[in-house]
Amino acid sequence: MTIITDPLTLPCGQVIKNRICKAAMTERIASGDNFTNEKHIELYKMWGAGDIGILLTGNVQVHKENLEGPANVAIEEGTYKEQLPMLKKWAEAATSGGSKLWMQISHAGRQTPGEINMSPMSPSDIQLKIPGRKYGKPIPMTEEDIQDVIKRFVFTAKIARETGFDGIQLHSAHGYLLSQFLSPDINQRTDAWGGSIENRARMHLEIINKCREEVGHDFAISIKMNSADFQKGGFSSQESIQVAKLFSDSGIDNIEISGGTYEQPRLLGLDNVSINPERSENRKESTIAREAYFLSYAEEISKVVKIPLMVTGGFRTKAGIQAALDDGACEIVGIGRPLCANPYAVKELLAGKISELPKYEKTLSIGPWLLSPSSPFRIIQAINAFSAQAWFYQQIKKMGTGLMPDLDLKPWKAFREDTKEDQKATEKYKNFNLN
């Protein structure tokens, strides 16, 4: 029987000291130059002391004009040399306690905020529409654009290896560019990059193959993919099984199972929130009731793949984590939000000091019925979701200054502070890149 503290040997030979991974959560603490800085060092120094098997970074972008947020880290060929010293310090801080550090590599595609780029790249010109947020009309990528993005992913993987990271994770979930290529409602191309599931996965397979050639066979390559988009006409759970097999056969070391997009935020565990309800697919109550959001999908995918799976989202108890390992649905469990409120929560769990990870989401109730998570108004639902998200962003930023999280922070205050900081970060980004 596998237990949580058992090590895991990946196909590449890398040994993970236990079965817990700090899930990728966007840090948004880079400055206008989108470089790694001391805040990343302080943040990962904390998580690195938390006895966690794998630390996944937030999405490191491959293209500064297609970011998830203005304060993302971005690595580009023209400026990477200036980043090397801090990237090495980042890796040293995170791995000093025996954790493996994987860089999550991403491209936001059509989910690039309009404040950064009103003409982002995407497979097709299908625009993202979310109440209270501004996104531009995407420009369908040319063959040259596609080849350039593939090259950028591979280059960033190379830099990750050179600077002391132990692996990479390609972000193909939550509606970002790689995920957009998989989704038939967003990828409406009729060339070799659209249509059949094999064509929609072509970019992924080219990136994987070229990354493996660049980083060698002793470096971990993972991919994060949606179990489904949960949107009518989108990437389905049946297609996810087919794609997972393609990825497994390509020679990667791990697949992380997640789900949802900005329009359908299942990645936040928000089954009662639907930003675009007319396109939403319903989930079975039996699936929603389980501790982990995407575990049932992993069970199906595990039947067709030969590599370790990771499931992230919703795990809160030691018993729930152990049950997932016992069932054989996954070999690694991802923990996210609890580590924003207590960076040492996993260490305490493994040491037997606690049996349940902190459920700080309970502090995020907003009060009046109209402002509650069950509000019938889509704009209020969206604000609630973003307020909850902002609370965790603020804790990450606080840890980046070397301080412990502020558990008394109110969600509305977090939302206001985070909005102001995003505006300032956007101005810094614009000033840096326009000068």
Protein backbone atom coordinates (compact mmCIF):
# COMPACT_ATOMS: atom_id res chain seq x y z
CA MET A 1 0.00 0.00 0.00
CA THR A 2 1.27 3.48 -0.89
CA ILE A 3 1.32 5.99 1.94
CA ILE A 4 1.69 9.76 1.73
CA THR A 5 5.32 9.78 2.89
CA ASP A 6 6.45 7.15 0.39
CA PRO A 7 8.95 8.38 -2.22
CA LEU A 8 8.02 8.19 -5.90
CA THR A 9 10.42 7.49 -8.75
CA LEU A 10 9.37 9.12 -12.02
CA PRO A 11 10.09 7.61 -15.46
CA CYS A 12 13.00 10.07 -15.88
CA GLY A 13 14.59 8.64 -12.70
CA GLN A 14 13.86 11.64 -10.50
CA VAL A 15 12.87 10.66 -6.95
CA ILE A 16 10.15 12.69 -5.21
CA LYS A 17 10.45 12.41 -1.42
CA ASN A 18 6.71 12.16 -0.75
CA ARG A 19 3.37 12.25 -2.54
CA ILE A 20 2.51 15.93 -2.02
CA CYS A 21 2.98 18.73 -4.52
CA LYS A 22 2.48 22.43 -3.93
CA ALA A 23 0.12 23.20 -6.76
CA ALA A 24 0.90 26.02 -9.17
CA MET A 25 -0.60 29.33 -8.07
CA THR A 26 0.16 32.55 -9.87
CA GLU A 27 2.42 34.72 -7.71
CA ARG A 28 2.13 38.08 -9.54
CA ILE A 29 5.09 39.53 -7.65
CA ALA A 30 7.44 40.34 -10.53
CA SER A 31 8.19 43.98 -11.30
CA GLY A 32 7.60 45.83 -14.59
CA ASP A 33 10.47 43.97 -16.22
CA ASN A 34 8.75 40.62 -15.49
CA PHE A 35 11.93 39.32 -13.87
CA THR A 36 12.32 37.06 -10.86
CA ASN A 37 13.19 39.03 -7.72
CA GLU A 38 13.74 38.72 -3.97
CA LYS A 39 10.03 38.24 -3.34
CA HIS A 40 10.15 34.91 -5.17
CA ILE A 41 13.14 33.91 -3.06
CA GLU A 42 11.41 34.75 0.23
CA LEU A 43 8.17 33.04 -0.80
CA TYR A 44 9.78 29.80 -1.93
CA LYS A 45 12.13 29.79 1.01
CA MET A 46 9.01 29.34 3.17
CA TRP A 47 7.43 26.69 0.98
CA GLY A 48 10.83 25.01 0.60
CA ALA A 49 10.92 24.48 4.36
CA GLY A 50 7.49 22.87 4.31
CA ASP A 51 8.52 19.22 3.63
CA ILE A 52 6.70 19.12 0.27
CA GLY A 53 7.72 16.65 -2.42
CA ILE A 54 7.33 18.99 -5.42
CA LEU A 55 7.04 22.75 -5.55
CA LEU A 56 5.37 23.96 -8.74
CA THR A 57 5.90 27.61 -9.59
CA GLY A 58 3.13 29.85 -10.80
CA ASN A 59 2.91 30.19 -14.56
CA VAL A 60 6.16 31.51 -16.02
CA GLN A 61 5.25 33.13 -19.31
CA VAL A 62 7.03 32.60 -22.62
CA HIS A 63 5.80 35.80 -24.28
CA LYS A 64 5.66 39.21 -22.56
CA GLU A 65 2.81 40.38 -24.78
CA ASN A 66 0.61 37.45 -23.77
CA LEU A 67 0.66 37.35 -19.97
CA GLU A 68 -1.85 36.07 -17.45
CA GLY A 69 -1.16 39.15 -15.33
CA PRO A 70 1.17 42.16 -15.46
CA ALA A 71 3.43 40.93 -12.64
CA ASN A 72 4.09 37.45 -14.08
CA VAL A 73 7.63 36.21 -14.54
CA ALA A 74 8.42 36.00 -18.24
CA ILE A 75 11.53 34.48 -19.84
CA GLU A 76 12.46 35.59 -23.34
CA GLU A 77 15.53 35.00 -25.43
CA GLY A 78 16.44 38.67 -25.70
CA THR A 79 16.63 39.38 -21.95
CA TYR A 80 17.13 36.02 -20.24
CA LYS A 81 20.81 36.53 -19.36
CA GLU A 82 19.89 39.29 -16.92
CA GLN A 83 17.56 36.86 -15.13
CA LEU A 84 19.94 33.96 -14.69
CA PRO A 85 21.36 34.91 -11.25
CA MET A 86 17.93 35.37 -9.64
CA LEU A 87 16.50 32.26 -11.29
CA LYS A 88 19.38 30.29 -9.76
CA LYS A 89 18.66 31.82 -6.34
CA TRP A 90 14.98 30.92 -6.75
CA ALA A 91 15.91 27.30 -7.40
CA GLU A 92 18.37 27.20 -4.50
CA ALA A 93 15.84 28.61 -2.03
CA ALA A 94 13.08 26.23 -3.07
CA THR A 95 15.17 23.05 -3.10
CA SER A 96 17.24 23.61 0.05
CA GLY A 97 14.87 21.42 2.10
CA GLY A 98 14.83 18.50 -0.33
CA SER A 99 11.82 19.52 -2.43
CA LYS A 100 11.97 19.28 -6.20
CA LEU A 101 11.21 22.53 -8.04
CA TRP A 102 9.31 22.46 -11.32
CA MET A 103 8.74 25.55 -13.44
CA GLN A 104 5.24 25.82 -14.83
CA ILE A 105 5.54 27.26 -18.34
CA SER A 106 2.59 29.05 -19.89
CA HIS A 107 1.20 31.38 -22.55
CA ALA A 108 -2.09 33.14 -21.78
CA GLY A 109 -3.39 33.37 -25.34
CA ARG A 110 -6.86 34.94 -25.42
CA GLN A 111 -6.88 35.17 -21.62
CA THR A 112 -4.33 37.97 -21.73
CA PRO A 113 -5.94 40.96 -19.95
CA GLY A 114 -6.94 43.79 -22.26
CA GLU A 115 -4.80 46.21 -20.24
CA ILE A 116 -1.76 44.30 -21.49
CA ASN A 117 -2.81 43.41 -25.02
CA MET A 118 -6.11 44.00 -26.84
CA SER A 119 -4.99 41.76 -29.71
CA PRO A 120 -3.70 38.58 -28.04
CA MET A 121 -2.78 35.38 -29.83
CA SER A 122 -5.17 32.43 -29.99
CA PRO A 123 -5.94 29.55 -32.34
CA SER A 124 -9.02 31.44 -33.60
CA ASP A 125 -10.71 34.79 -33.06
CA ILE A 126 -13.17 33.67 -30.35
CA GLN A 127 -13.17 36.40 -27.69
CA LEU A 128 -13.29 35.83 -23.94
CA LYS A 129 -16.15 37.65 -22.22
CA ILE A 130 -16.35 37.89 -18.43
CA PRO A 131 -18.40 40.45 -16.47
CA GLY A 132 -16.20 43.18 -15.04
CA ARG A 133 -13.11 42.13 -17.00
CA LYS A 134 -11.77 43.39 -20.33
CA TYR A 135 -10.28 41.03 -22.90
CA GLY A 136 -9.36 41.86 -26.48
CA LYS A 137 -10.34 40.26 -29.76
CA PRO A 138 -7.79 37.49 -30.42
CA ILE A 139 -5.79 37.33 -33.64
CA PRO A 140 -5.68 33.80 -35.11
CA MET A 141 -2.12 32.53 -35.05
CA THR A 142 -0.22 32.04 -38.29
CA GLU A 143 2.02 29.06 -38.94
CA GLU A 144 4.97 31.31 -38.11
CA ASP A 145 3.34 32.31 -34.80
CA ILE A 146 2.80 28.68 -33.85
CA GLN A 147 6.38 27.71 -34.59
CA ASP A 148 7.60 30.73 -32.61
CA VAL A 149 5.53 29.76 -29.55
CA ILE A 150 6.83 26.18 -29.72
CA LYS A 151 10.37 27.56 -29.81
CA ARG A 152 9.63 29.81 -26.82
CA PHE A 153 8.35 26.92 -24.68
CA VAL A 154 11.44 24.88 -25.47
CA PHE A 155 13.76 27.80 -24.76
CA THR A 156 12.17 28.41 -21.36
CA ALA A 157 12.50 24.71 -20.51
CA LYS A 158 16.20 24.95 -21.37
CA ILE A 159 16.64 27.94 -19.04
CA ALA A 160 14.80 26.10 -16.27
CA ARG A 161 17.29 23.26 -16.47
CA GLU A 162 20.30 25.56 -16.68
CA THR A 163 19.29 27.49 -13.56
CA GLY A 164 18.75 24.52 -11.26
CA PHE A 165 15.08 23.65 -11.62
CA ASP A 166 14.33 19.93 -11.51
CA GLY A 167 11.57 19.90 -14.09
CA ILE A 168 8.92 21.79 -15.99
CA GLN A 169 5.17 21.62 -16.30
CA LEU A 170 3.47 22.69 -19.52
CA HIS A 171 0.26 24.55 -18.63
CA SER A 172 -2.51 23.20 -20.85
CA ALA A 173 -5.45 23.79 -18.51
CA HIS A 174 -7.78 26.57 -17.32
CA GLY A 175 -8.23 28.12 -20.73
CA TYR A 176 -4.65 29.23 -21.45
CA LEU A 177 -3.17 28.96 -24.94
CA LEU A 178 -2.32 25.26 -25.04
CA SER A 179 -5.73 24.49 -23.56
CA GLN A 180 -7.31 26.72 -26.22
CA PHE A 181 -5.79 24.57 -28.94
CA LEU A 182 -7.42 21.47 -27.42
CA SER A 183 -10.88 23.03 -27.15
CA PRO A 184 -12.99 22.64 -30.32
CA ASP A 185 -15.18 25.64 -29.44
CA ILE A 186 -12.11 27.92 -29.34
CA ASN A 187 -9.88 26.19 -31.87
CA GLN A 188 -11.87 26.48 -35.08
CA ARG A 189 -8.90 26.08 -37.39
CA THR A 190 -9.12 23.98 -40.54
CA ASP A 191 -5.39 23.43 -41.01
CA ALA A 192 -3.01 20.90 -39.42
CA TRP A 193 -3.50 22.53 -35.98
CA GLY A 194 -7.28 22.13 -35.76
CA GLY A 195 -10.12 19.74 -36.42
CA SER A 196 -9.25 16.23 -35.19
CA ILE A 197 -8.12 15.65 -31.62
CA GLU A 198 -4.71 14.63 -32.97
CA ASN A 199 -4.36 17.95 -34.77
CA ARG A 200 -5.51 19.94 -31.74
CA ALA A 201 -2.88 18.16 -29.64
CA ARG A 202 -0.14 18.56 -32.27
CA MET A 203 1.40 21.67 -30.70
CA HIS A 204 1.67 19.93 -27.33
CA LEU A 205 3.41 16.89 -28.78
CA GLU A 206 5.89 19.02 -30.72
CA ILE A 207 6.72 21.00 -27.59
CA ILE A 208 7.13 17.82 -25.53
CA ASN A 209 9.39 16.15 -28.10
CA LYS A 210 11.57 19.22 -28.61
CA CYS A 211 11.78 19.86 -24.85
CA ARG A 212 12.94 16.30 -24.26
CA GLU A 213 15.63 16.70 -26.91
CA GLU A 214 16.78 19.92 -25.21
CA VAL A 215 16.68 18.97 -21.51
CA GLY A 216 17.62 15.29 -21.70
CA HIS A 217 16.02 12.20 -20.22
CA ASP A 218 16.83 12.82 -16.54
CA PHE A 219 14.78 16.02 -16.27
CA ALA A 220 11.08 15.90 -15.35
CA ILE A 221 8.51 16.96 -17.94
CA SER A 222 4.93 17.25 -16.75
CA ILE A 223 1.77 18.61 -18.31
CA LYS A 224 -1.32 20.08 -16.68
CA MET A 225 -4.50 19.41 -18.61
CA ASN A 226 -8.22 19.81 -18.18
CA SER A 227 -10.35 16.79 -17.41
CA ALA A 228 -12.95 18.88 -19.26
CA ASP A 229 -13.74 22.53 -19.95
CA PHE A 230 -17.27 22.06 -18.54
CA GLN A 231 -18.61 24.09 -21.46
CA LYS A 232 -20.99 22.92 -24.15
CA GLY A 233 -18.98 22.27 -27.28
CA GLY A 234 -15.69 22.50 -25.37
CA PHE A 235 -12.98 19.99 -24.55
CA SER A 236 -14.82 16.96 -23.17
CA SER A 237 -13.93 14.33 -20.59
CA GLN A 238 -13.96 11.71 -23.36
CA GLU A 239 -11.44 13.72 -25.36
CA SER A 240 -9.28 14.21 -22.27
CA ILE A 241 -8.82 10.45 -22.01
CA GLN A 242 -7.63 10.27 -25.63
CA VAL A 243 -5.27 13.21 -25.19
CA ALA A 244 -3.87 11.88 -21.92
CA LYS A 245 -2.89 8.67 -23.70
CA LEU A 246 -1.15 10.67 -26.44
CA PHE A 247 0.79 12.60 -23.80
CA SER A 248 1.67 9.47 -21.82
CA ASP A 249 2.97 7.75 -24.94
CA SER A 250 5.09 10.81 -25.79
CA GLY A 251 7.52 10.13 -22.95
CA ILE A 252 6.56 12.65 -20.27
CA ASP A 253 6.79 11.90 -16.55
CA ASN A 254 3.52 13.13 -15.11
CA ILE A 255 0.07 14.47 -15.97
CA GLU A 256 -1.80 16.76 -13.60
CA ILE A 257 -5.60 16.58 -13.92
CA SER A 258 -7.56 19.78 -13.45
CA GLY A 259 -10.51 21.42 -15.19
CA GLY A 260 -12.47 24.51 -16.10
CA THR A 261 -11.65 27.89 -17.61
CA TYR A 262 -12.10 31.53 -16.66
CA GLU A 263 -15.67 31.24 -17.97
CA GLN A 264 -16.36 28.09 -15.96
CA PRO A 265 -14.14 28.34 -12.85
CA ARG A 266 -14.29 24.73 -11.69
CA LEU A 267 -10.55 25.05 -10.93
CA LEU A 268 -11.63 27.11 -7.89
CA GLY A 269 -14.10 24.46 -6.79
CA LEU A 270 -16.99 26.82 -7.61
CA ASP A 271 -19.70 24.49 -8.83
CA ASN A 272 -22.37 27.03 -7.97
CA VAL A 273 -20.73 29.80 -10.02
CA SER A 274 -21.26 29.94 -13.77
CA ILE A 275 -19.94 33.01 -15.54
CA ASN A 276 -21.61 31.91 -18.80
CA PRO A 277 -24.50 29.67 -17.63
CA GLU A 278 -25.94 29.13 -21.10
CA ARG A 279 -22.76 27.25 -22.03
CA SER A 280 -22.24 25.44 -18.73
CA GLU A 281 -22.30 21.68 -18.41
CA ASN A 282 -23.68 20.16 -15.21
CA ARG A 283 -21.65 17.81 -13.03
CA LYS A 284 -23.04 14.86 -11.13
CA GLU A 285 -23.76 15.47 -7.45
CA SER A 286 -21.72 12.36 -6.62
CA THR A 287 -18.69 13.96 -8.29
CA ILE A 288 -19.15 17.31 -6.56
CA ALA A 289 -19.49 15.65 -3.15
CA ARG A 290 -16.04 14.04 -3.25
CA GLU A 291 -13.20 15.73 -1.45
CA ALA A 292 -11.12 16.18 -4.61
CA TYR A 293 -12.80 17.97 -7.49
CA PHE A 294 -11.26 15.98 -10.34
CA LEU A 295 -10.56 12.58 -8.79
CA SER A 296 -13.25 10.69 -10.71
CA TYR A 297 -11.81 11.93 -14.01
CA ALA A 298 -8.32 10.81 -12.96
CA GLU A 299 -9.70 7.34 -12.25
CA GLU A 300 -10.79 7.03 -15.87
CA ILE A 301 -7.57 8.49 -17.26
CA SER A 302 -5.45 6.20 -15.09
CA LYS A 303 -6.81 3.23 -17.04
CA VAL A 304 -5.10 4.34 -20.27
CA VAL A 305 -1.81 5.94 -19.15
CA LYS A 306 1.45 4.42 -17.92
CA ILE A 307 2.80 7.40 -15.99
CA PRO A 308 2.03 8.86 -12.53
CA LEU A 309 -0.98 11.15 -12.32
CA MET A 310 -1.45 14.14 -10.06
CA VAL A 311 -4.81 15.49 -8.93
CA THR A 312 -5.17 18.98 -7.48
CA GLY A 313 -8.18 20.73 -6.03
CA GLY A 314 -10.24 20.16 -2.91
CA PHE A 315 -7.99 17.90 -0.82
CA ARG A 316 -8.21 18.93 2.83
CA THR A 317 -7.84 15.82 5.01
CA LYS A 318 -5.08 13.31 5.50
CA ALA A 319 -7.68 10.56 5.17
CA GLY A 320 -8.90 11.99 1.84
CA ILE A 321 -5.37 12.17 0.46
CA GLN A 322 -4.63 8.62 1.58
CA ALA A 323 -7.90 7.35 0.08
CA ALA A 324 -6.98 8.85 -3.30
CA LEU A 325 -3.62 7.07 -3.21
CA ASP A 326 -5.28 3.82 -2.08
CA ASP A 327 -7.76 3.95 -4.96
CA GLY A 328 -4.91 4.19 -7.44
CA ALA A 329 -6.49 7.17 -9.18
CA CYS A 330 -3.34 9.21 -8.68
CA GLU A 331 0.21 8.92 -7.34
CA ILE A 332 0.63 12.58 -6.37
CA VAL A 333 -1.77 14.96 -4.66
CA GLY A 334 -1.60 18.70 -5.29
CA ILE A 335 -2.27 21.17 -2.46
CA GLY A 336 -2.79 24.85 -3.20
CA ARG A 337 -4.87 27.23 -1.13
CA PRO A 338 -4.06 25.84 2.34
CA LEU A 339 -0.39 26.66 1.65
CA CYS A 340 -1.32 30.31 1.11
CA ALA A 341 -2.69 30.48 4.63
CA ASN A 342 -0.04 28.30 6.27
CA PRO A 343 3.12 27.55 4.30
CA TYR A 344 3.97 24.74 6.73
CA ALA A 345 0.56 23.01 6.66
CA VAL A 346 1.84 19.93 4.80
CA LYS A 347 4.78 19.55 7.16
CA GLU A 348 2.38 19.62 10.11
CA LEU A 349 0.10 17.11 8.39
CA LEU A 350 2.92 14.66 7.67
CA ALA A 351 4.27 15.03 11.22
CA GLY A 352 0.89 14.10 12.65
CA LYS A 353 0.32 17.49 14.29
CA ILE A 354 -2.86 17.98 12.28
CA SER A 355 -5.13 15.59 10.38
CA GLU A 356 -6.85 18.24 8.30
CA LEU A 357 -5.46 21.09 6.24
CA PRO A 358 -6.81 24.54 7.13
CA LYS A 359 -10.10 25.48 5.49
CA TYR A 360 -9.59 29.19 5.38
CA GLU A 361 -12.18 29.49 2.64
CA LYS A 362 -14.73 29.61 5.49
CA THR A 363 -13.54 33.10 6.36
CA LEU A 364 -14.54 34.35 2.91
CA SER A 365 -18.30 34.71 3.51
CA ILE A 366 -19.36 38.19 2.47
CA GLY A 367 -22.55 38.81 4.42
CA PRO A 368 -25.71 40.12 2.76
CA TRP A 369 -27.68 37.64 0.67
CA LEU A 370 -27.21 39.62 -2.56
CA LEU A 371 -23.45 39.49 -2.03
CA SER A 372 -23.33 35.83 -1.06
CA PRO A 373 -21.83 33.04 -3.21
CA SER A 374 -25.42 31.87 -3.92
CA SER A 375 -26.45 35.20 -5.42
CA PRO A 376 -28.43 34.74 -8.67
CA PHE A 377 -26.63 37.67 -10.29
CA ARG A 378 -23.72 36.69 -12.54
CA ILE A 379 -21.74 39.84 -11.81
CA ILE A 380 -22.02 39.20 -8.06
CA GLN A 381 -21.00 35.58 -8.57
CA ALA A 382 -17.96 36.75 -10.49
CA ILE A 383 -17.03 39.35 -7.85
CA ASN A 384 -17.33 36.74 -5.12
CA ALA A 385 -15.09 34.34 -7.02
CA PHE A 386 -12.50 37.03 -7.68
CA SER A 387 -12.68 38.27 -4.05
CA ALA A 388 -11.91 34.79 -2.77
CA GLN A 389 -9.07 34.52 -5.25
CA ALA A 390 -7.72 37.93 -4.22
CA TRP A 391 -7.57 36.83 -0.57
CA PHE A 392 -5.12 34.10 -1.49
CA TYR A 393 -3.16 36.36 -3.85
CA GLN A 394 -2.67 38.79 -0.98
CA GLN A 395 -1.31 36.05 1.29
CA ILE A 396 1.19 35.02 -1.39
CA LYS A 397 2.35 38.62 -1.73
CA LYS A 398 2.68 38.93 2.05
CA MET A 399 4.85 35.81 2.23
CA GLY A 400 6.94 37.32 -0.56
CA THR A 401 7.98 40.01 1.93
CA GLY A 402 9.06 37.37 4.45
CA LEU A 403 5.93 37.68 6.63
CA MET A 404 3.40 35.02 7.59
CA PRO A 405 -0.13 35.21 6.13
CA ASP A 406 -2.71 37.56 7.64
CA LEU A 407 -5.68 35.34 8.44
CA ASP A 408 -7.78 38.26 9.63
CA LEU A 409 -7.75 39.90 6.22
CA LYS A 410 -11.31 40.43 4.95
CA PRO A 411 -12.09 39.31 1.38
CA TRP A 412 -13.50 42.65 0.25
CA LYS A 413 -10.40 44.42 1.52
CA ALA A 414 -8.25 41.82 -0.24
CA PHE A 415 -10.20 42.42 -3.45
CA ARG A 416 -9.71 46.18 -3.24
CA GLU A 417 -6.01 45.87 -2.42
CA ASP A 418 -5.42 43.33 -5.14
CA THR A 419 -7.22 45.47 -7.72
CA LYS A 420 -5.10 48.51 -6.81
CA GLU A 421 -1.90 46.46 -6.94
CA ASP A 422 -2.85 45.02 -10.34
CA GLN A 423 -3.41 48.56 -11.63
CA LYS A 424 -0.01 49.66 -10.34
CA ALA A 425 1.64 46.56 -11.79
CA THR A 426 -0.02 47.24 -15.15
CA GLU A 427 1.33 50.80 -15.17
CA LYS A 428 4.82 49.54 -14.32
CA TYR A 429 4.56 46.96 -17.09
CA LYS A 430 3.46 49.61 -19.62
CA ASN A 431 6.11 52.10 -18.54
CA PHE A 432 8.86 49.51 -18.76
CA ASN A 433 7.83 48.10 -22.12
CA LEU A 434 7.01 51.40 -23.79
CA ASN A 435 10.31 53.02 -22.82
